[in-house]
Amino acid sequence: RVARPGAIEIASEAMTVGRVPENADVVIPVATVSGVHARLEKKDGNLVVTDMDSTNGTYVNERKLVPGFPVAVQPGSLLIFGGSHPSYGQFG
């Protein structure tokens, strides 16, 4: 189990989340997180997350995302990267 990460600032228009440092802007060193797991983007002042066909899924408020389909994330939402032993963060 990995401790919750602190706040991260999305300084660019897009960032990748994953386990492999060479392939991800935000690294979560947990076995259930894929090498390149998800993409975070700023669009029109909103945060959008897209699962990048990860092995164990990306969830917004416990709702599993369909890989490749971007979903807007509302402030206060819980993002979960990986399935059974998730790594997560709260947006907002």
PDB file of N, CA and C in Angstrom:
ATOM      1  N   ARG A   1       0.851  -1.173   0.000  1.00  0.00           N
ATOM      2  CA  ARG A   1       0.000   0.000   0.000  1.00  0.00           C
ATOM      3  C   ARG A   1       0.896   1.235   0.000  1.00  0.00           C
ATOM      4  N   VAL A   2       0.529   2.193  -0.818  1.00  0.00           N
ATOM      5  CA  VAL A   2       1.295   3.428  -0.947  1.00  0.00           C
ATOM      6  C   VAL A   2       0.492   4.566  -0.344  1.00  0.00           C
ATOM      7  N   ALA A   3       1.168   5.444   0.373  1.00  0.00           N
ATOM      8  CA  ALA A   3       0.484   6.588   0.969  1.00  0.00           C
ATOM      9  C   ALA A   3      -0.089   7.486  -0.110  1.00  0.00           C
ATOM     10  N   ARG A   4      -1.157   8.176   0.227  1.00  0.00           N
ATOM     11  CA  ARG A   4      -1.741   9.134  -0.713  1.00  0.00           C
ATOM     12  C   ARG A   4      -0.696  10.159  -1.089  1.00  0.00           C
ATOM     13  N   PRO A   5      -0.619  10.464  -2.371  1.00  0.00           N
ATOM     14  CA  PRO A   5       0.324  11.507  -2.767  1.00  0.00           C
ATOM     15  C   PRO A   5      -0.201  12.865  -2.326  1.00  0.00           C
ATOM     16  N   GLY A   6       0.718  13.808  -2.185  1.00  0.00           N
ATOM     17  CA  GLY A   6       0.305  15.169  -1.878  1.00  0.00           C
ATOM     18  C   GLY A   6      -0.295  15.794  -3.126  1.00  0.00           C
ATOM     19  N   ALA A   7      -0.576  17.053  -3.037  1.00  0.00           N
ATOM     20  CA  ALA A   7      -1.153  17.762  -4.182  1.00  0.00           C
ATOM     21  C   ALA A   7      -0.152  17.818  -5.327  1.00  0.00           C
ATOM     22  N   ILE A   8      -0.659  17.693  -6.533  1.00  0.00           N
ATOM     23  CA  ILE A   8       0.180  17.880  -7.711  1.00  0.00           C
ATOM     24  C   ILE A   8      -0.432  19.007  -8.532  1.00  0.00           C
ATOM     25  N   GLU A   9       0.438  19.765  -9.133  1.00  0.00           N
ATOM     26  CA  GLU A   9      -0.031  20.847  -9.987  1.00  0.00           C
ATOM     27  C   GLU A   9       0.136  20.420 -11.435  1.00  0.00           C
ATOM     28  N   ILE A  10      -0.907  20.581 -12.202  1.00  0.00           N
ATOM     29  CA  ILE A  10      -0.833  20.273 -13.623  1.00  0.00           C
ATOM     30  C   ILE A  10      -0.380  21.558 -14.306  1.00  0.00           C
ATOM     31  N   ALA A  11       0.934  21.643 -14.522  1.00  0.00           N
ATOM     32  CA  ALA A  11       1.532  22.863 -15.056  1.00  0.00           C
ATOM     33  C   ALA A  11       1.395  22.966 -16.568  1.00  0.00           C
ATOM     34  N   SER A  12       1.281  21.827 -17.238  1.00  0.00           N
ATOM     35  CA  SER A  12       1.132  21.838 -18.693  1.00  0.00           C
ATOM     36  C   SER A  12      -0.315  21.503 -19.041  1.00  0.00           C
ATOM     37  N   GLU A  13      -0.614  21.481 -20.309  1.00  0.00           N
ATOM     38  CA  GLU A  13      -1.978  21.175 -20.741  1.00  0.00           C
ATOM     39  C   GLU A  13      -2.326  19.700 -20.557  1.00  0.00           C
ATOM     40  N   ALA A  14      -1.303  18.827 -20.505  1.00  0.00           N
ATOM     41  CA  ALA A  14      -1.556  17.391 -20.360  1.00  0.00           C
ATOM     42  C   ALA A  14      -0.407  16.721 -19.614  1.00  0.00           C
ATOM     43  N   MET A  15      -0.737  15.676 -18.855  1.00  0.00           N
ATOM     44  CA  MET A  15       0.250  14.887 -18.119  1.00  0.00           C
ATOM     45  C   MET A  15      -0.161  13.423 -18.177  1.00  0.00           C
ATOM     46  N   THR A  16       0.832  12.547 -18.125  1.00  0.00           N
ATOM     47  CA  THR A  16       0.537  11.121 -18.037  1.00  0.00           C
ATOM     48  C   THR A  16       0.784  10.639 -16.614  1.00  0.00           C
ATOM     49  N   VAL A  17      -0.009   9.649 -16.208  1.00  0.00           N
ATOM     50  CA  VAL A  17       0.134   8.990 -14.913  1.00  0.00           C
ATOM     51  C   VAL A  17       0.523   7.555 -15.203  1.00  0.00           C
ATOM     52  N   GLY A  18       1.523   7.029 -14.498  1.00  0.00           N
ATOM     53  CA  GLY A  18       1.920   5.644 -14.714  1.00  0.00           C
ATOM     54  C   GLY A  18       2.965   5.179 -13.731  1.00  0.00           C
ATOM     55  N   ARG A  19       3.381   3.942 -13.873  1.00  0.00           N
ATOM     56  CA  ARG A  19       4.354   3.315 -12.988  1.00  0.00           C
ATOM     57  C   ARG A  19       5.790   3.507 -13.460  1.00  0.00           C
ATOM     58  N   VAL A  20       6.002   3.682 -14.761  1.00  0.00           N
ATOM     59  CA  VAL A  20       7.350   3.727 -15.335  1.00  0.00           C
ATOM     60  C   VAL A  20       7.811   5.184 -15.459  1.00  0.00           C
ATOM     61  N   PRO A  21       8.853   5.574 -14.705  1.00  0.00           N
ATOM     62  CA  PRO A  21       9.298   6.961 -14.708  1.00  0.00           C
ATOM     63  C   PRO A  21       9.644   7.524 -16.092  1.00  0.00           C
ATOM     64  N   GLU A  22      10.173   6.708 -16.963  1.00  0.00           N
ATOM     65  CA  GLU A  22      10.550   7.183 -18.297  1.00  0.00           C
ATOM     66  C   GLU A  22       9.337   7.515 -19.161  1.00  0.00           C
ATOM     67  N   ASN A  23       8.161   7.009 -18.799  1.00  0.00           N
ATOM     68  CA  ASN A  23       6.968   7.177 -19.626  1.00  0.00           C
ATOM     69  C   ASN A  23       5.872   8.005 -18.977  1.00  0.00           C
ATOM     70  N   ALA A  24       6.072   8.456 -17.733  1.00  0.00           N
ATOM     71  CA  ALA A  24       4.996   9.139 -17.017  1.00  0.00           C
ATOM     72  C   ALA A  24       5.491  10.421 -16.366  1.00  0.00           C
ATOM     73  N   ASP A  25       4.625  11.417 -16.353  1.00  0.00           N
ATOM     74  CA  ASP A  25       4.929  12.674 -15.670  1.00  0.00           C
ATOM     75  C   ASP A  25       4.671  12.546 -14.167  1.00  0.00           C
ATOM     76  N   VAL A  26       3.620  11.812 -13.815  1.00  0.00           N
ATOM     77  CA  VAL A  26       3.294  11.520 -12.417  1.00  0.00           C
ATOM     78  C   VAL A  26       3.505  10.025 -12.222  1.00  0.00           C
ATOM     79  N   VAL A  27       4.487   9.671 -11.398  1.00  0.00           N
ATOM     80  CA  VAL A  27       4.851   8.259 -11.213  1.00  0.00           C
ATOM     81  C   VAL A  27       4.232   7.726  -9.930  1.00  0.00           C
ATOM     82  N   ILE A  28       3.520   6.604 -10.068  1.00  0.00           N
ATOM     83  CA  ILE A  28       2.935   5.899  -8.918  1.00  0.00           C
ATOM     84  C   ILE A  28       3.545   4.501  -8.926  1.00  0.00           C
ATOM     85  N   PRO A  29       4.511   4.252  -8.028  1.00  0.00           N
ATOM     86  CA  PRO A  29       5.237   2.982  -8.036  1.00  0.00           C
ATOM     87  C   PRO A  29       4.476   1.839  -7.367  1.00  0.00           C
ATOM     88  N   VAL A  30       3.350   1.465  -7.976  1.00  0.00           N
ATOM     89  CA  VAL A  30       2.488   0.406  -7.444  1.00  0.00           C
ATOM     90  C   VAL A  30       2.239  -0.602  -8.556  1.00  0.00           C
ATOM     91  N   ALA A  31       2.300  -1.888  -8.235  1.00  0.00           N
ATOM     92  CA  ALA A  31       2.184  -2.943  -9.247  1.00  0.00           C
ATOM     93  C   ALA A  31       0.874  -2.900 -10.027  1.00  0.00           C
ATOM     94  N   THR A  32      -0.204  -2.410  -9.437  1.00  0.00           N
ATOM     95  CA  THR A  32      -1.500  -2.388 -10.133  1.00  0.00           C
ATOM     96  C   THR A  32      -1.642  -1.191 -11.074  1.00  0.00           C
ATOM     97  N   VAL A  33      -0.670  -0.301 -11.070  1.00  0.00           N
ATOM     98  CA  VAL A  33      -0.672   0.846 -11.976  1.00  0.00           C
ATOM     99  C   VAL A  33       0.143   0.463 -13.204  1.00  0.00           C
ATOM    100  N   SER A  34      -0.416   0.669 -14.386  1.00  0.00           N
ATOM    101  CA  SER A  34       0.264   0.320 -15.634  1.00  0.00           C
ATOM    102  C   SER A  34       1.414   1.282 -15.908  1.00  0.00           C
ATOM    103  N   GLY A  35       2.311   0.873 -16.803  1.00  0.00           N
ATOM    104  CA  GLY A  35       3.454   1.706 -17.175  1.00  0.00           C
ATOM    105  C   GLY A  35       3.011   3.085 -17.613  1.00  0.00           C
ATOM    106  N   VAL A  36       2.059   3.161 -18.508  1.00  0.00           N
ATOM    107  CA  VAL A  36       1.363   4.398 -18.882  1.00  0.00           C
ATOM    108  C   VAL A  36      -0.100   4.103 -18.602  1.00  0.00           C
ATOM    109  N   HIS A  37      -0.627   4.686 -17.563  1.00  0.00           N
ATOM    110  CA  HIS A  37      -1.935   4.289 -17.050  1.00  0.00           C
ATOM    111  C   HIS A  37      -3.071   5.209 -17.512  1.00  0.00           C
ATOM    112  N   ALA A  38      -2.876   6.521 -17.350  1.00  0.00           N
ATOM    113  CA  ALA A  38      -3.940   7.478 -17.658  1.00  0.00           C
ATOM    114  C   ALA A  38      -3.334   8.803 -18.112  1.00  0.00           C
ATOM    115  N   ARG A  39      -4.176   9.618 -18.695  1.00  0.00           N
ATOM    116  CA  ARG A  39      -3.775  10.945 -19.144  1.00  0.00           C
ATOM    117  C   ARG A  39      -4.679  11.971 -18.469  1.00  0.00           C
ATOM    118  N   LEU A  40      -4.070  13.016 -17.907  1.00  0.00           N
ATOM    119  CA  LEU A  40      -4.792  14.117 -17.301  1.00  0.00           C
ATOM    120  C   LEU A  40      -4.616  15.328 -18.202  1.00  0.00           C
ATOM    121  N   GLU A  41      -5.718  16.018 -18.495  1.00  0.00           N
ATOM    122  CA  GLU A  41      -5.658  17.184 -19.365  1.00  0.00           C
ATOM    123  C   GLU A  41      -6.484  18.315 -18.792  1.00  0.00           C
ATOM    124  N   LYS A  42      -6.039  19.534 -19.076  1.00  0.00           N
ATOM    125  CA  LYS A  42      -6.836  20.712 -18.752  1.00  0.00           C
ATOM    126  C   LYS A  42      -7.536  21.131 -20.038  1.00  0.00           C
ATOM    127  N   LYS A  43      -8.863  21.195 -19.981  1.00  0.00           N
ATOM    128  CA  LYS A  43      -9.661  21.615 -21.135  1.00  0.00           C
ATOM    129  C   LYS A  43     -10.719  22.597 -20.671  1.00  0.00           C
ATOM    130  N   ASP A  44     -10.650  23.798 -21.194  1.00  0.00           N
ATOM    131  CA  ASP A  44     -11.634  24.836 -20.864  1.00  0.00           C
ATOM    132  C   ASP A  44     -11.793  25.029 -19.358  1.00  0.00           C
ATOM    133  N   GLY A  45     -10.678  24.987 -18.624  1.00  0.00           N
ATOM    134  CA  GLY A  45     -10.709  25.192 -17.185  1.00  0.00           C
ATOM    135  C   GLY A  45     -11.124  23.991 -16.373  1.00  0.00           C
ATOM    136  N   ASN A  46     -11.329  22.854 -17.017  1.00  0.00           N
ATOM    137  CA  ASN A  46     -11.731  21.626 -16.337  1.00  0.00           C
ATOM    138  C   ASN A  46     -10.639  20.580 -16.425  1.00  0.00           C
ATOM    139  N   LEU A  47     -10.643  19.644 -15.490  1.00  0.00           N
ATOM    140  CA  LEU A  47      -9.745  18.506 -15.549  1.00  0.00           C
ATOM    141  C   LEU A  47     -10.460  17.362 -16.258  1.00  0.00           C
ATOM    142  N   VAL A  48      -9.759  16.738 -17.198  1.00  0.00           N
ATOM    143  CA  VAL A  48     -10.298  15.597 -17.942  1.00  0.00           C
ATOM    144  C   VAL A  48      -9.314  14.449 -17.775  1.00  0.00           C
ATOM    145  N   VAL A  49      -9.827  13.250 -17.497  1.00  0.00           N
ATOM    146  CA  VAL A  49      -8.979  12.068 -17.360  1.00  0.00           C
ATOM    147  C   VAL A  49      -9.383  11.039 -18.406  1.00  0.00           C
ATOM    148  N   THR A  50      -8.366  10.384 -18.975  1.00  0.00           N
ATOM    149  CA  THR A  50      -8.590   9.319 -19.957  1.00  0.00           C
ATOM    150  C   THR A  50      -7.777   8.105 -19.539  1.00  0.00           C
ATOM    151  N   ASP A  51      -8.414   6.953 -19.417  1.00  0.00           N
ATOM    152  CA  ASP A  51      -7.695   5.708 -19.166  1.00  0.00           C
ATOM    153  C   ASP A  51      -6.997   5.307 -20.460  1.00  0.00           C
ATOM    154  N   MET A  52      -5.719   4.978 -20.371  1.00  0.00           N
ATOM    155  CA  MET A  52      -4.923   4.644 -21.547  1.00  0.00           C
ATOM    156  C   MET A  52      -4.840   3.128 -21.744  1.00  0.00           C
ATOM    157  N   ASP A  53      -5.982   2.456 -21.637  1.00  0.00           N
ATOM    158  CA  ASP A  53      -6.077   1.004 -21.770  1.00  0.00           C
ATOM    159  C   ASP A  53      -5.226   0.296 -20.712  1.00  0.00           C
ATOM    160  N   SER A  54      -5.328   0.796 -19.487  1.00  0.00           N
ATOM    161  CA  SER A  54      -4.573   0.222 -18.379  1.00  0.00           C
ATOM    162  C   SER A  54      -5.084  -1.183 -18.044  1.00  0.00           C
ATOM    163  N   THR A  55      -4.248  -1.951 -17.404  1.00  0.00           N
ATOM    164  CA  THR A  55      -4.604  -3.324 -17.026  1.00  0.00           C
ATOM    165  C   THR A  55      -5.677  -3.359 -15.939  1.00  0.00           C
ATOM    166  N   ASN A  56      -5.545  -2.491 -14.929  1.00  0.00           N
ATOM    167  CA  ASN A  56      -6.436  -2.550 -13.769  1.00  0.00           C
ATOM    168  C   ASN A  56      -7.423  -1.398 -13.654  1.00  0.00           C
ATOM    169  N   GLY A  57      -7.499  -0.568 -14.665  1.00  0.00           N
ATOM    170  CA  GLY A  57      -8.531   0.452 -14.725  1.00  0.00           C
ATOM    171  C   GLY A  57      -8.232   1.756 -14.021  1.00  0.00           C
ATOM    172  N   THR A  58      -8.976   2.766 -14.449  1.00  0.00           N
ATOM    173  CA  THR A  58      -8.981   4.093 -13.837  1.00  0.00           C
ATOM    174  C   THR A  58     -10.420   4.363 -13.435  1.00  0.00           C
ATOM    175  N   TYR A  59     -10.592   4.930 -12.248  1.00  0.00           N
ATOM    176  CA  TYR A  59     -11.924   5.152 -11.701  1.00  0.00           C
ATOM    177  C   TYR A  59     -12.089   6.600 -11.281  1.00  0.00           C
ATOM    178  N   VAL A  60     -13.269   7.147 -11.493  1.00  0.00           N
ATOM    179  CA  VAL A  60     -13.654   8.454 -10.969  1.00  0.00           C
ATOM    180  C   VAL A  60     -14.840   8.194 -10.055  1.00  0.00           C
ATOM    181  N   ASN A  61     -14.638   8.471  -8.765  1.00  0.00           N
ATOM    182  CA  ASN A  61     -15.690   8.206  -7.771  1.00  0.00           C
ATOM    183  C   ASN A  61     -16.200   6.768  -7.875  1.00  0.00           C
ATOM    184  N   GLU A  62     -15.278   5.828  -7.990  1.00  0.00           N
ATOM    185  CA  GLU A  62     -15.545   4.385  -8.039  1.00  0.00           C
ATOM    186  C   GLU A  62     -16.222   3.922  -9.321  1.00  0.00           C
ATOM    187  N   ARG A  63     -16.373   4.812 -10.316  1.00  0.00           N
ATOM    188  CA  ARG A  63     -16.928   4.427 -11.618  1.00  0.00           C
ATOM    189  C   ARG A  63     -15.762   4.156 -12.568  1.00  0.00           C
ATOM    190  N   LYS A  64     -15.700   2.940 -13.072  1.00  0.00           N
ATOM    191  CA  LYS A  64     -14.600   2.566 -13.962  1.00  0.00           C
ATOM    192  C   LYS A  64     -14.764   3.247 -15.320  1.00  0.00           C
ATOM    193  N   LEU A  65     -13.686   3.841 -15.792  1.00  0.00           N
ATOM    194  CA  LEU A  65     -13.710   4.515 -17.083  1.00  0.00           C
ATOM    195  C   LEU A  65     -13.550   3.527 -18.223  1.00  0.00           C
ATOM    196  N   VAL A  66     -14.130   3.863 -19.349  1.00  0.00           N
ATOM    197  CA  VAL A  66     -13.941   3.096 -20.581  1.00  0.00           C
ATOM    198  C   VAL A  66     -12.638   3.602 -21.192  1.00  0.00           C
ATOM    199  N   PRO A  67     -11.674   2.701 -21.451  1.00  0.00           N
ATOM    200  CA  PRO A  67     -10.399   3.137 -22.005  1.00  0.00           C
ATOM    201  C   PRO A  67     -10.569   3.956 -23.283  1.00  0.00           C
ATOM    202  N   GLY A  68      -9.797   5.035 -23.364  1.00  0.00           N
ATOM    203  CA  GLY A  68      -9.799   5.867 -24.551  1.00  0.00           C
ATOM    204  C   GLY A  68     -10.860   6.944 -24.599  1.00  0.00           C
ATOM    205  N   PHE A  69     -11.801   6.958 -23.652  1.00  0.00           N
ATOM    206  CA  PHE A  69     -12.873   7.950 -23.642  1.00  0.00           C
ATOM    207  C   PHE A  69     -12.642   8.944 -22.505  1.00  0.00           C
ATOM    208  N   PRO A  70     -12.376  10.212 -22.828  1.00  0.00           N
ATOM    209  CA  PRO A  70     -12.116  11.218 -21.797  1.00  0.00           C
ATOM    210  C   PRO A  70     -13.361  11.503 -20.954  1.00  0.00           C
ATOM    211  N   VAL A  71     -13.142  11.726 -19.662  1.00  0.00           N
ATOM    212  CA  VAL A  71     -14.226  12.022 -18.730  1.00  0.00           C
ATOM    213  C   VAL A  71     -13.840  13.257 -17.917  1.00  0.00           C
ATOM    214  N   ALA A  72     -14.745  14.226 -17.819  1.00  0.00           N
ATOM    215  CA  ALA A  72     -14.519  15.408 -16.994  1.00  0.00           C
ATOM    216  C   ALA A  72     -14.568  15.016 -15.522  1.00  0.00           C
ATOM    217  N   VAL A  73     -13.677  15.599 -14.740  1.00  0.00           N
ATOM    218  CA  VAL A  73     -13.593  15.315 -13.311  1.00  0.00           C
ATOM    219  C   VAL A  73     -14.044  16.557 -12.548  1.00  0.00           C
ATOM    220  N   GLN A  74     -15.051  16.392 -11.725  1.00  0.00           N
ATOM    221  CA  GLN A  74     -15.584  17.502 -10.942  1.00  0.00           C
ATOM    222  C   GLN A  74     -14.742  17.714  -9.687  1.00  0.00           C
ATOM    223  N   PRO A  75     -14.610  18.957  -9.203  1.00  0.00           N
ATOM    224  CA  PRO A  75     -13.895  19.204  -7.944  1.00  0.00           C
ATOM    225  C   PRO A  75     -14.457  18.339  -6.819  1.00  0.00           C
ATOM    226  N   GLY A  76     -13.563  17.786  -6.012  1.00  0.00           N
ATOM    227  CA  GLY A  76     -13.956  16.913  -4.912  1.00  0.00           C
ATOM    228  C   GLY A  76     -14.045  15.454  -5.302  1.00  0.00           C
ATOM    229  N   SER A  77     -13.844  15.148  -6.592  1.00  0.00           N
ATOM    230  CA  SER A  77     -13.925  13.765  -7.065  1.00  0.00           C
ATOM    231  C   SER A  77     -12.705  12.967  -6.621  1.00  0.00           C
ATOM    232  N   LEU A  78     -12.888  11.672  -6.486  1.00  0.00           N
ATOM    233  CA  LEU A  78     -11.816  10.757  -6.121  1.00  0.00           C
ATOM    234  C   LEU A  78     -11.339  10.047  -7.380  1.00  0.00           C
ATOM    235  N   LEU A  79     -10.045  10.167  -7.696  1.00  0.00           N
ATOM    236  CA  LEU A  79      -9.446   9.466  -8.833  1.00  0.00           C
ATOM    237  C   LEU A  79      -8.715   8.251  -8.304  1.00  0.00           C
ATOM    238  N   ILE A  80      -8.958   7.099  -8.914  1.00  0.00           N
ATOM    239  CA  ILE A  80      -8.293   5.858  -8.511  1.00  0.00           C
ATOM    240  C   ILE A  80      -7.597   5.292  -9.727  1.00  0.00           C
ATOM    241  N   PHE A  81      -6.299   5.019  -9.576  1.00  0.00           N
ATOM    242  CA  PHE A  81      -5.490   4.444 -10.653  1.00  0.00           C
ATOM    243  C   PHE A  81      -5.076   3.039 -10.232  1.00  0.00           C
ATOM    244  N   GLY A  82      -5.584   2.021 -10.907  1.00  0.00           N
ATOM    245  CA  GLY A  82      -5.287   0.634 -10.547  1.00  0.00           C
ATOM    246  C   GLY A  82      -6.456   0.042  -9.793  1.00  0.00           C
ATOM    247  N   GLY A  83      -6.596  -1.256  -9.834  1.00  0.00           N
ATOM    248  CA  GLY A  83      -7.785  -1.898  -9.309  1.00  0.00           C
ATOM    249  C   GLY A  83      -7.791  -2.241  -7.851  1.00  0.00           C
ATOM    250  N   SER A  84      -7.389  -3.449  -7.506  1.00  0.00           N
ATOM    251  CA  SER A  84      -7.631  -3.996  -6.181  1.00  0.00           C
ATOM    252  C   SER A  84      -6.835  -3.313  -5.067  1.00  0.00           C
ATOM    253  N   HIS A  85      -5.668  -2.785  -5.351  1.00  0.00           N
ATOM    254  CA  HIS A  85      -4.856  -2.060  -4.361  1.00  0.00           C
ATOM    255  C   HIS A  85      -4.599  -0.677  -4.950  1.00  0.00           C
ATOM    256  N   PRO A  86      -5.642   0.164  -4.991  1.00  0.00           N
ATOM    257  CA  PRO A  86      -5.548   1.410  -5.748  1.00  0.00           C
ATOM    258  C   PRO A  86      -4.623   2.462  -5.158  1.00  0.00           C
ATOM    259  N   SER A  87      -4.143   3.284  -6.052  1.00  0.00           N
ATOM    260  CA  SER A  87      -3.473   4.528  -5.697  1.00  0.00           C
ATOM    261  C   SER A  87      -4.424   5.613  -6.118  1.00  0.00           C
ATOM    262  N   TYR A  88      -4.578   6.623  -5.321  1.00  0.00           N
ATOM    263  CA  TYR A  88      -5.634   7.556  -5.614  1.00  0.00           C
ATOM    264  C   TYR A  88      -5.252   8.962  -5.214  1.00  0.00           C
ATOM    265  N   GLY A  89      -6.087   9.886  -5.652  1.00  0.00           N
ATOM    266  CA  GLY A  89      -5.918  11.279  -5.275  1.00  0.00           C
ATOM    267  C   GLY A  89      -7.264  11.969  -5.366  1.00  0.00           C
ATOM    268  N   GLN A  90      -7.407  13.043  -4.625  1.00  0.00           N
ATOM    269  CA  GLN A  90      -8.655  13.790  -4.667  1.00  0.00           C
ATOM    270  C   GLN A  90      -8.417  15.063  -5.439  1.00  0.00           C
ATOM    271  N   PHE A  91      -9.324  15.358  -6.352  1.00  0.00           N
ATOM    272  CA  PHE A  91      -9.221  16.555  -7.166  1.00  0.00           C
ATOM    273  C   PHE A  91     -10.052  17.651  -6.544  1.00  0.00           C
ATOM    274  N   GLY A  92      -9.488  18.826  -6.495  1.00  0.00           N
ATOM    275  CA  GLY A  92     -10.253  19.971  -6.029  1.00  0.00           C
ATOM    276  C   GLY A  92      -9.708  20.470  -4.789  1.00  0.00           C
TER     277      GLY A  92
END
